[in-house]
Amino acid sequence: MHRITFQTARPAVRAFHASPLAHKTIAEKAGEAANTVNKKLGSAVASALETGEKATQATKEAAGIQRAIGSASETASQKTEEAGQKANQVKAEARDAKKDFEKEAKK
């Protein structure tokens, strides 16, 4: 006939986790960890590439300076040699002029 139902008092259900972050699944936690590692690794690689580019540029500049120094040194060497040759030529002409003058003076 008539059924009588009794409502039983249910105990209040409390969350097992104390923080909202603890409600994430293992897959979500693993994904976030992988994302964090990926970002840090990408940042480190970008930094390394930037450092490499700076080192390459510095090397190129240093090589250019070395070439310029080598070229300047070579040019200075050539000019010194030319000056020495001119000096020898002037000495020879001065000796010849002195001999000619002495010959003229004796006459």
C-alpha atoms as a PDB file:
ATOM      1  CA  MET A   1       0.000   0.000   0.000  1.00  0.00           C
ATOM      2  CA  HIS A   2       1.518   3.147   0.881  1.00  0.00           C
ATOM      3  CA  ARG A   3       5.138   3.162   1.266  1.00  0.00           C
ATOM      4  CA  ILE A   4       6.615   5.369   3.768  1.00  0.00           C
ATOM      5  CA  THR A   5      10.096   6.590   3.091  1.00  0.00           C
ATOM      6  CA  PHE A   6      12.373   7.984   5.618  1.00  0.00           C
ATOM      7  CA  GLN A   7      15.022  10.443   4.738  1.00  0.00           C
ATOM      8  CA  THR A   8      18.250   9.720   6.427  1.00  0.00           C
ATOM      9  CA  ALA A   9      20.602  12.486   7.268  1.00  0.00           C
ATOM     10  CA  ARG A  10      23.655  12.307   5.035  1.00  0.00           C
ATOM     11  CA  PRO A  11      26.907  13.530   6.386  1.00  0.00           C
ATOM     12  CA  ALA A  12      28.266  16.631   4.636  1.00  0.00           C
ATOM     13  CA  VAL A  13      30.697  15.739   1.886  1.00  0.00           C
ATOM     14  CA  ARG A  14      33.982  17.541   2.236  1.00  0.00           C
ATOM     15  CA  ALA A  15      36.568  17.990  -0.457  1.00  0.00           C
ATOM     16  CA  PHE A  16      39.520  15.708  -0.044  1.00  0.00           C
ATOM     17  CA  HIS A  17      41.917  18.329  -1.436  1.00  0.00           C
ATOM     18  CA  ALA A  18      42.593  21.549   0.359  1.00  0.00           C
ATOM     19  CA  SER A  19      43.721  23.673  -2.624  1.00  0.00           C
ATOM     20  CA  PRO A  20      42.168  24.264  -6.044  1.00  0.00           C
ATOM     21  CA  LEU A  21      45.422  23.183  -7.740  1.00  0.00           C
ATOM     22  CA  ALA A  22      45.105  19.758  -6.202  1.00  0.00           C
ATOM     23  CA  HIS A  23      41.958  19.144  -8.258  1.00  0.00           C
ATOM     24  CA  LYS A  24      44.007  18.853 -11.468  1.00  0.00           C
ATOM     25  CA  THR A  25      44.424  15.495 -13.046  1.00  0.00           C
ATOM     26  CA  ILE A  26      47.774  13.834 -13.435  1.00  0.00           C
ATOM     27  CA  ALA A  27      47.649  14.488 -17.184  1.00  0.00           C
ATOM     28  CA  GLU A  28      47.077  18.213 -16.593  1.00  0.00           C
ATOM     29  CA  LYS A  29      49.936  18.347 -14.079  1.00  0.00           C
ATOM     30  CA  ALA A  30      52.253  16.495 -16.477  1.00  0.00           C
ATOM     31  CA  GLY A  31      51.229  18.802 -19.329  1.00  0.00           C
ATOM     32  CA  GLU A  32      51.951  21.912 -17.266  1.00  0.00           C
ATOM     33  CA  ALA A  33      55.306  20.508 -16.149  1.00  0.00           C
ATOM     34  CA  ALA A  34      56.225  19.687 -19.749  1.00  0.00           C
ATOM     35  CA  ASN A  35      55.140  23.179 -20.841  1.00  0.00           C
ATOM     36  CA  THR A  36      57.291  24.782 -18.137  1.00  0.00           C
ATOM     37  CA  VAL A  37      60.312  22.665 -19.072  1.00  0.00           C
ATOM     38  CA  ASN A  38      59.755  23.457 -22.757  1.00  0.00           C
ATOM     39  CA  LYS A  39      59.660  27.201 -22.084  1.00  0.00           C
ATOM     40  CA  LYS A  40      62.814  27.116 -19.952  1.00  0.00           C
ATOM     41  CA  LEU A  41      64.630  24.973 -22.504  1.00  0.00           C
ATOM     42  CA  GLY A  42      63.549  27.267 -25.344  1.00  0.00           C
ATOM     43  CA  SER A  43      64.733  30.278 -23.388  1.00  0.00           C
ATOM     44  CA  ALA A  44      68.112  28.648 -22.702  1.00  0.00           C
ATOM     45  CA  VAL A  45      68.558  27.660 -26.362  1.00  0.00           C
ATOM     46  CA  ALA A  46      67.636  31.171 -27.517  1.00  0.00           C
ATOM     47  CA  SER A  47      70.153  32.629 -25.071  1.00  0.00           C
ATOM     48  CA  ALA A  48      72.854  30.228 -26.273  1.00  0.00           C
ATOM     49  CA  LEU A  49      72.151  31.115 -29.917  1.00  0.00           C
ATOM     50  CA  GLU A  50      72.311  34.811 -29.117  1.00  0.00           C
ATOM     51  CA  THR A  51      75.634  34.348 -27.320  1.00  0.00           C
ATOM     52  CA  GLY A  52      76.946  32.359 -30.287  1.00  0.00           C
ATOM     53  CA  GLU A  53      75.913  35.099 -32.693  1.00  0.00           C
ATOM     54  CA  LYS A  54      77.660  37.719 -30.570  1.00  0.00           C
ATOM     55  CA  ALA A  55      80.819  35.585 -30.431  1.00  0.00           C
ATOM     56  CA  THR A  56      80.717  35.114 -34.206  1.00  0.00           C
ATOM     57  CA  GLN A  57      80.381  38.851 -34.746  1.00  0.00           C
ATOM     58  CA  ALA A  58      83.231  39.572 -32.336  1.00  0.00           C
ATOM     59  CA  THR A  59      85.412  37.027 -34.140  1.00  0.00           C
ATOM     60  CA  LYS A  60      84.614  38.588 -37.502  1.00  0.00           C
ATOM     61  CA  GLU A  61      85.459  42.036 -36.169  1.00  0.00           C
ATOM     62  CA  ALA A  62      88.694  40.777 -34.621  1.00  0.00           C
ATOM     63  CA  ALA A  63      89.651  39.069 -37.883  1.00  0.00           C
ATOM     64  CA  GLY A  64      88.963  42.302 -39.755  1.00  0.00           C
ATOM     65  CA  ILE A  65      91.126  44.225 -37.324  1.00  0.00           C
ATOM     66  CA  GLN A  66      93.903  41.632 -37.667  1.00  0.00           C
ATOM     67  CA  ARG A  67      93.733  41.902 -41.462  1.00  0.00           C
ATOM     68  CA  ALA A  68      93.862  45.694 -41.202  1.00  0.00           C
ATOM     69  CA  ILE A  69      96.837  45.507 -38.827  1.00  0.00           C
ATOM     70  CA  GLY A  70      98.588  43.047 -41.140  1.00  0.00           C
ATOM     71  CA  SER A  71      97.922  45.264 -44.134  1.00  0.00           C
ATOM     72  CA  ALA A  72      99.112  48.361 -42.271  1.00  0.00           C
ATOM     73  CA  SER A  73     102.222  46.543 -41.110  1.00  0.00           C
ATOM     74  CA  GLU A  74     102.962  45.376 -44.636  1.00  0.00           C
ATOM     75  CA  THR A  75     102.433  48.879 -46.016  1.00  0.00           C
ATOM     76  CA  ALA A  76     104.686  50.353 -43.325  1.00  0.00           C
ATOM     77  CA  SER A  77     107.364  47.793 -44.171  1.00  0.00           C
ATOM     78  CA  GLN A  78     107.172  48.675 -47.855  1.00  0.00           C
ATOM     79  CA  LYS A  79     107.327  52.407 -47.138  1.00  0.00           C
ATOM     80  CA  THR A  80     110.308  51.911 -44.826  1.00  0.00           C
ATOM     81  CA  GLU A  81     112.105  49.949 -47.517  1.00  0.00           C
ATOM     82  CA  GLU A  82     111.291  52.608 -50.114  1.00  0.00           C
ATOM     83  CA  ALA A  83     112.561  55.334 -47.781  1.00  0.00           C
ATOM     84  CA  GLY A  84     115.779  53.398 -47.242  1.00  0.00           C
ATOM     85  CA  GLN A  85     116.250  53.068 -50.980  1.00  0.00           C
ATOM     86  CA  LYS A  86     115.635  56.795 -51.484  1.00  0.00           C
ATOM     87  CA  ALA A  87     118.104  57.602 -48.713  1.00  0.00           C
ATOM     88  CA  ASN A  88     120.771  55.422 -50.356  1.00  0.00           C
ATOM     89  CA  GLN A  89     120.053  57.059 -53.695  1.00  0.00           C
ATOM     90  CA  VAL A  90     120.394  60.543 -52.189  1.00  0.00           C
ATOM     91  CA  LYS A  91     123.677  59.535 -50.485  1.00  0.00           C
ATOM     92  CA  ALA A  92     125.033  58.222 -53.774  1.00  0.00           C
ATOM     93  CA  GLU A  93     124.037  61.426 -55.576  1.00  0.00           C
ATOM     94  CA  ALA A  94     125.593  63.511 -52.799  1.00  0.00           C
ATOM     95  CA  ARG A  95     128.873  61.569 -53.088  1.00  0.00           C
ATOM     96  CA  ASP A  96     128.850  62.032 -56.854  1.00  0.00           C
ATOM     97  CA  ALA A  97     128.140  65.737 -56.452  1.00  0.00           C
ATOM     98  CA  LYS A  98     130.969  66.050 -53.901  1.00  0.00           C
ATOM     99  CA  LYS A  99     133.407  64.299 -56.247  1.00  0.00           C
ATOM    100  CA  ASP A 100     132.305  66.518 -59.117  1.00  0.00           C
ATOM    101  CA  PHE A 101     132.733  69.610 -56.948  1.00  0.00           C
ATOM    102  CA  GLU A 102     136.209  68.513 -55.839  1.00  0.00           C
ATOM    103  CA  LYS A 103     137.205  67.901 -59.467  1.00  0.00           C
ATOM    104  CA  GLU A 104     135.934  71.343 -60.430  1.00  0.00           C
ATOM    105  CA  ALA A 105     137.671  72.930 -57.462  1.00  0.00           C
ATOM    106  CA  LYS A 106     141.038  71.404 -58.440  1.00  0.00           C
ATOM    107  CA  LYS A 107     140.854  72.839 -61.912  1.00  0.00           C
END
